[in-house]
Amino acid sequence: MTTSLVTSMQRFSTSGVSYQVEAGTSCSVALVAAGTILSGVNILLGSLIDEADEQSCQPFAIRTLTMQVEALIDSVEAPIRGAEDRAPQNPTSPVRGAEVHQ
């Protein structure tokens, strides 16, 4: 039996609106979604940079940071997917992942 690494619930808020990441989503799926969101952010920031005053370096700095995060997400996506595919688990273990039988 194989199992996937899954997300835990994570709450956050912005501009007074609360959001949350639901528990139980495959981590590799969550990473793909996060990378897609960051790609959209980078496109928007690229537009801001194109329209910005040449003296304004904040959008460029933000875009650089988001691109670094996107690269980090991309770098862990395949290893996590691989770990999910080959992680045998005992479904009756009282502690998740504590016992592995082969």
N, C-alpha and C. Protein backbone atom coordinates (compact mmCIF):
# COMPACT_ATOMS: atom_id res chain seq x y z
N MET A 1 0.84 -1.18 0.00
CA MET A 1 0.00 0.00 0.00
C MET A 1 0.89 1.24 0.00
N THR A 2 0.53 2.21 -0.77
CA THR A 2 1.28 3.47 -0.77
C THR A 2 0.38 4.58 -0.26
N THR A 3 0.99 5.61 0.21
CA THR A 3 0.25 6.76 0.70
C THR A 3 0.91 8.02 0.18
N SER A 4 0.19 9.10 0.22
CA SER A 4 0.79 10.36 -0.23
C SER A 4 1.05 11.26 0.96
N LEU A 5 1.99 12.14 0.79
CA LEU A 5 2.22 13.19 1.77
C LEU A 5 1.11 14.20 1.56
N VAL A 6 0.46 14.62 2.65
CA VAL A 6 -0.69 15.50 2.50
C VAL A 6 -0.51 16.79 3.30
N THR A 7 -1.25 17.80 2.89
CA THR A 7 -1.19 19.10 3.54
C THR A 7 -1.89 19.06 4.89
N SER A 8 -1.49 19.97 5.75
CA SER A 8 -2.21 20.21 6.99
C SER A 8 -2.98 21.52 6.80
N MET A 9 -3.98 21.75 7.64
CA MET A 9 -4.74 22.98 7.49
C MET A 9 -3.85 24.17 7.84
N GLN A 10 -3.92 25.20 7.03
CA GLN A 10 -3.13 26.41 7.24
C GLN A 10 -4.03 27.60 6.98
N ARG A 11 -4.25 28.43 8.00
CA ARG A 11 -5.09 29.61 7.85
C ARG A 11 -4.23 30.84 7.60
N PHE A 12 -4.79 31.77 6.83
CA PHE A 12 -4.13 33.05 6.62
C PHE A 12 -5.19 34.08 6.28
N SER A 13 -4.83 35.34 6.43
CA SER A 13 -5.78 36.39 6.08
C SER A 13 -5.04 37.53 5.39
N THR A 14 -5.77 38.22 4.56
CA THR A 14 -5.24 39.39 3.88
C THR A 14 -6.36 40.37 3.66
N SER A 15 -6.09 41.62 3.91
CA SER A 15 -7.08 42.69 3.77
C SER A 15 -8.38 42.36 4.51
N GLY A 16 -8.24 41.75 5.67
CA GLY A 16 -9.40 41.45 6.50
C GLY A 16 -10.21 40.25 6.07
N VAL A 17 -9.77 39.53 5.06
CA VAL A 17 -10.49 38.34 4.59
C VAL A 17 -9.67 37.11 4.98
N SER A 18 -10.33 36.14 5.60
CA SER A 18 -9.65 34.92 6.03
C SER A 18 -9.78 33.82 4.98
N TYR A 19 -8.71 33.07 4.85
CA TYR A 19 -8.65 31.94 3.92
C TYR A 19 -8.01 30.77 4.64
N GLN A 20 -8.10 29.59 4.05
CA GLN A 20 -7.36 28.47 4.61
C GLN A 20 -7.07 27.43 3.54
N VAL A 21 -5.96 26.76 3.73
CA VAL A 21 -5.61 25.60 2.92
C VAL A 21 -6.19 24.41 3.67
N GLU A 22 -6.95 23.60 2.98
CA GLU A 22 -7.58 22.44 3.61
C GLU A 22 -6.57 21.33 3.83
N ALA A 23 -6.77 20.58 4.88
CA ALA A 23 -5.93 19.42 5.16
C ALA A 23 -6.30 18.28 4.22
N GLY A 24 -5.32 17.45 3.90
CA GLY A 24 -5.58 16.24 3.15
C GLY A 24 -5.29 16.28 1.67
N THR A 25 -4.85 17.42 1.15
CA THR A 25 -4.50 17.51 -0.27
C THR A 25 -3.09 16.97 -0.46
N SER A 26 -2.86 16.25 -1.52
CA SER A 26 -1.53 15.76 -1.82
C SER A 26 -0.55 16.93 -1.87
N CYS A 27 0.61 16.77 -1.24
CA CYS A 27 1.61 17.84 -1.23
C CYS A 27 2.09 18.17 -2.64
N SER A 28 2.22 17.16 -3.49
CA SER A 28 2.67 17.47 -4.85
C SER A 28 1.62 18.28 -5.60
N VAL A 29 0.34 18.00 -5.37
CA VAL A 29 -0.73 18.79 -5.99
C VAL A 29 -0.70 20.22 -5.45
N ALA A 30 -0.49 20.35 -4.14
CA ALA A 30 -0.42 21.68 -3.53
C ALA A 30 0.76 22.48 -4.09
N LEU A 31 1.88 21.81 -4.30
CA LEU A 31 3.05 22.50 -4.86
C LEU A 31 2.80 22.94 -6.29
N VAL A 32 2.12 22.12 -7.07
CA VAL A 32 1.79 22.52 -8.44
C VAL A 32 0.89 23.75 -8.42
N ALA A 33 -0.11 23.75 -7.53
CA ALA A 33 -1.01 24.90 -7.43
C ALA A 33 -0.25 26.15 -6.99
N ALA A 34 0.64 26.00 -6.00
CA ALA A 34 1.42 27.15 -5.54
C ALA A 34 2.30 27.70 -6.65
N GLY A 35 2.92 26.81 -7.40
CA GLY A 35 3.75 27.25 -8.52
C GLY A 35 2.95 27.98 -9.58
N THR A 36 1.74 27.51 -9.83
CA THR A 36 0.87 28.16 -10.81
C THR A 36 0.48 29.56 -10.33
N ILE A 37 0.15 29.67 -9.05
CA ILE A 37 -0.19 30.98 -8.48
C ILE A 37 0.99 31.92 -8.59
N LEU A 38 2.18 31.44 -8.25
CA LEU A 38 3.37 32.29 -8.34
C LEU A 38 3.67 32.70 -9.78
N SER A 39 3.40 31.83 -10.72
CA SER A 39 3.59 32.20 -12.13
C SER A 39 2.69 33.37 -12.50
N GLY A 40 1.44 33.32 -12.02
CA GLY A 40 0.51 34.43 -12.25
C GLY A 40 0.99 35.71 -11.61
N VAL A 41 1.52 35.60 -10.40
CA VAL A 41 2.06 36.78 -9.71
C VAL A 41 3.22 37.36 -10.50
N ASN A 42 4.09 36.49 -11.01
CA ASN A 42 5.24 36.97 -11.78
C ASN A 42 4.80 37.68 -13.06
N ILE A 43 3.74 37.20 -13.69
CA ILE A 43 3.22 37.87 -14.88
C ILE A 43 2.71 39.26 -14.53
N LEU A 44 1.95 39.35 -13.43
CA LEU A 44 1.44 40.66 -12.99
C LEU A 44 2.58 41.60 -12.62
N LEU A 45 3.57 41.08 -11.92
CA LEU A 45 4.72 41.92 -11.55
C LEU A 45 5.50 42.36 -12.78
N GLY A 46 5.60 41.49 -13.77
CA GLY A 46 6.26 41.87 -15.02
C GLY A 46 5.56 43.04 -15.68
N SER A 47 4.23 43.04 -15.65
CA SER A 47 3.47 44.17 -16.19
C SER A 47 3.73 45.44 -15.40
N LEU A 48 3.77 45.31 -14.06
CA LEU A 48 4.06 46.48 -13.22
C LEU A 48 5.46 47.03 -13.50
N ILE A 49 6.41 46.14 -13.67
CA ILE A 49 7.79 46.57 -13.94
C ILE A 49 7.85 47.30 -15.28
N ASP A 50 7.15 46.77 -16.27
CA ASP A 50 7.14 47.41 -17.59
C ASP A 50 6.54 48.81 -17.54
N GLU A 51 5.56 49.02 -16.67
CA GLU A 51 4.88 50.30 -16.57
C GLU A 51 5.49 51.23 -15.53
N ALA A 52 6.39 50.71 -14.70
CA ALA A 52 6.92 51.47 -13.56
C ALA A 52 7.98 52.47 -13.99
N ASP A 53 8.16 53.43 -13.13
CA ASP A 53 9.24 54.40 -13.24
C ASP A 53 10.56 53.63 -13.17
N GLU A 54 11.52 54.01 -13.95
CA GLU A 54 12.81 53.31 -13.95
C GLU A 54 13.50 53.37 -12.60
N GLN A 55 13.15 54.32 -11.76
CA GLN A 55 13.75 54.44 -10.45
C GLN A 55 13.11 53.50 -9.43
N SER A 56 11.98 52.91 -9.77
CA SER A 56 11.26 52.05 -8.83
C SER A 56 11.80 50.63 -8.90
N CYS A 57 12.47 50.20 -7.85
CA CYS A 57 13.04 48.86 -7.85
C CYS A 57 12.22 47.87 -7.02
N GLN A 58 11.19 48.34 -6.28
CA GLN A 58 10.41 47.44 -5.45
C GLN A 58 9.71 46.33 -6.24
N PRO A 59 9.01 46.65 -7.34
CA PRO A 59 8.38 45.55 -8.09
C PRO A 59 9.41 44.55 -8.62
N PHE A 60 10.56 45.04 -9.04
CA PHE A 60 11.60 44.13 -9.53
C PHE A 60 12.08 43.22 -8.40
N ALA A 61 12.27 43.78 -7.21
CA ALA A 61 12.73 42.98 -6.06
C ALA A 61 11.68 41.94 -5.69
N ILE A 62 10.41 42.34 -5.69
CA ILE A 62 9.33 41.39 -5.38
C ILE A 62 9.30 40.27 -6.41
N ARG A 63 9.44 40.63 -7.67
CA ARG A 63 9.42 39.62 -8.72
C ARG A 63 10.59 38.65 -8.57
N THR A 64 11.75 39.16 -8.22
CA THR A 64 12.91 38.30 -8.01
C THR A 64 12.65 37.31 -6.89
N LEU A 65 12.07 37.80 -5.79
CA LEU A 65 11.76 36.92 -4.66
C LEU A 65 10.73 35.86 -5.04
N THR A 66 9.68 36.26 -5.74
CA THR A 66 8.67 35.27 -6.12
C THR A 66 9.23 34.25 -7.10
N MET A 67 10.14 34.68 -7.96
CA MET A 67 10.76 33.73 -8.89
C MET A 67 11.64 32.73 -8.14
N GLN A 68 12.31 33.20 -7.07
CA GLN A 68 13.10 32.29 -6.25
C GLN A 68 12.21 31.26 -5.57
N VAL A 69 11.08 31.72 -5.04
CA VAL A 69 10.14 30.80 -4.39
C VAL A 69 9.60 29.80 -5.41
N GLU A 70 9.27 30.28 -6.59
CA GLU A 70 8.77 29.40 -7.65
C GLU A 70 9.80 28.33 -7.99
N ALA A 71 11.06 28.71 -8.07
CA ALA A 71 12.13 27.75 -8.37
C ALA A 71 12.27 26.74 -7.24
N LEU A 72 12.16 27.18 -5.99
CA LEU A 72 12.23 26.26 -4.86
C LEU A 72 11.08 25.26 -4.89
N ILE A 73 9.88 25.75 -5.17
CA ILE A 73 8.72 24.86 -5.27
C ILE A 73 8.95 23.84 -6.38
N ASP A 74 9.40 24.31 -7.53
CA ASP A 74 9.66 23.40 -8.64
C ASP A 74 10.71 22.36 -8.28
N SER A 75 11.70 22.75 -7.47
CA SER A 75 12.78 21.84 -7.13
C SER A 75 12.35 20.73 -6.18
N VAL A 76 11.29 20.93 -5.41
CA VAL A 76 10.84 19.89 -4.48
C VAL A 76 9.63 19.11 -5.00
N GLU A 77 9.03 19.58 -6.05
CA GLU A 77 7.82 18.92 -6.56
C GLU A 77 8.07 17.47 -6.98
N ALA A 78 9.09 17.23 -7.80
CA ALA A 78 9.37 15.87 -8.27
C ALA A 78 9.79 14.94 -7.13
N PRO A 79 10.68 15.36 -6.22
CA PRO A 79 11.03 14.47 -5.12
C PRO A 79 9.83 14.12 -4.23
N ILE A 80 8.95 15.08 -4.00
CA ILE A 80 7.77 14.79 -3.18
C ILE A 80 6.85 13.83 -3.91
N ARG A 81 6.65 14.05 -5.19
CA ARG A 81 5.81 13.13 -5.97
C ARG A 81 6.42 11.73 -5.92
N GLY A 82 7.75 11.65 -6.05
CA GLY A 82 8.41 10.35 -5.98
C GLY A 82 8.26 9.70 -4.62
N ALA A 83 8.35 10.48 -3.55
CA ALA A 83 8.18 9.94 -2.20
C ALA A 83 6.75 9.45 -2.00
N GLU A 84 5.79 10.17 -2.55
CA GLU A 84 4.40 9.74 -2.43
C GLU A 84 4.17 8.41 -3.13
N ASP A 85 4.83 8.22 -4.25
CA ASP A 85 4.63 7.00 -5.04
C ASP A 85 5.22 5.77 -4.38
N ARG A 86 6.22 5.92 -3.55
CA ARG A 86 6.88 4.74 -3.00
C ARG A 86 6.88 4.69 -1.47
N ALA A 87 6.00 5.41 -0.81
CA ALA A 87 5.97 5.44 0.65
C ALA A 87 4.98 4.42 1.20
N PRO A 88 5.44 3.18 1.48
CA PRO A 88 4.53 2.18 2.03
C PRO A 88 4.16 2.54 3.47
N GLN A 89 2.90 2.35 3.82
CA GLN A 89 2.43 2.68 5.15
C GLN A 89 1.52 1.58 5.67
N ASN A 90 1.50 1.40 6.96
CA ASN A 90 0.57 0.49 7.60
C ASN A 90 -0.66 1.31 7.97
N PRO A 91 -1.82 1.05 7.34
CA PRO A 91 -3.00 1.88 7.59
C PRO A 91 -3.56 1.76 9.00
N THR A 92 -3.15 0.72 9.75
CA THR A 92 -3.68 0.56 11.11
C THR A 92 -2.75 1.12 12.18
N SER A 93 -1.65 1.70 11.79
CA SER A 93 -0.70 2.24 12.75
C SER A 93 -1.34 3.35 13.57
N PRO A 94 -1.21 3.29 14.92
CA PRO A 94 -1.77 4.36 15.75
C PRO A 94 -1.06 5.69 15.56
N VAL A 95 0.15 5.66 15.09
CA VAL A 95 0.90 6.88 14.80
C VAL A 95 1.15 6.88 13.31
N ARG A 96 0.66 7.91 12.62
CA ARG A 96 0.79 7.95 11.17
C ARG A 96 2.24 7.75 10.73
N GLY A 97 2.45 6.74 9.92
CA GLY A 97 3.77 6.51 9.36
C GLY A 97 4.75 5.84 10.29
N ALA A 98 4.31 5.46 11.51
CA ALA A 98 5.23 4.91 12.49
C ALA A 98 5.65 3.49 12.15
N GLU A 99 4.75 2.72 11.54
CA GLU A 99 5.08 1.34 11.22
C GLU A 99 5.07 1.14 9.71
N VAL A 100 6.09 0.48 9.23
CA VAL A 100 6.15 0.14 7.81
C VAL A 100 6.47 -1.34 7.71
N HIS A 101 5.62 -2.08 7.01
CA HIS A 101 5.85 -3.52 6.82
C HIS A 101 6.13 -3.77 5.35
N GLN A 102 7.06 -4.68 5.10
CA GLN A 102 7.36 -5.00 3.70
C GLN A 102 7.08 -6.44 3.42
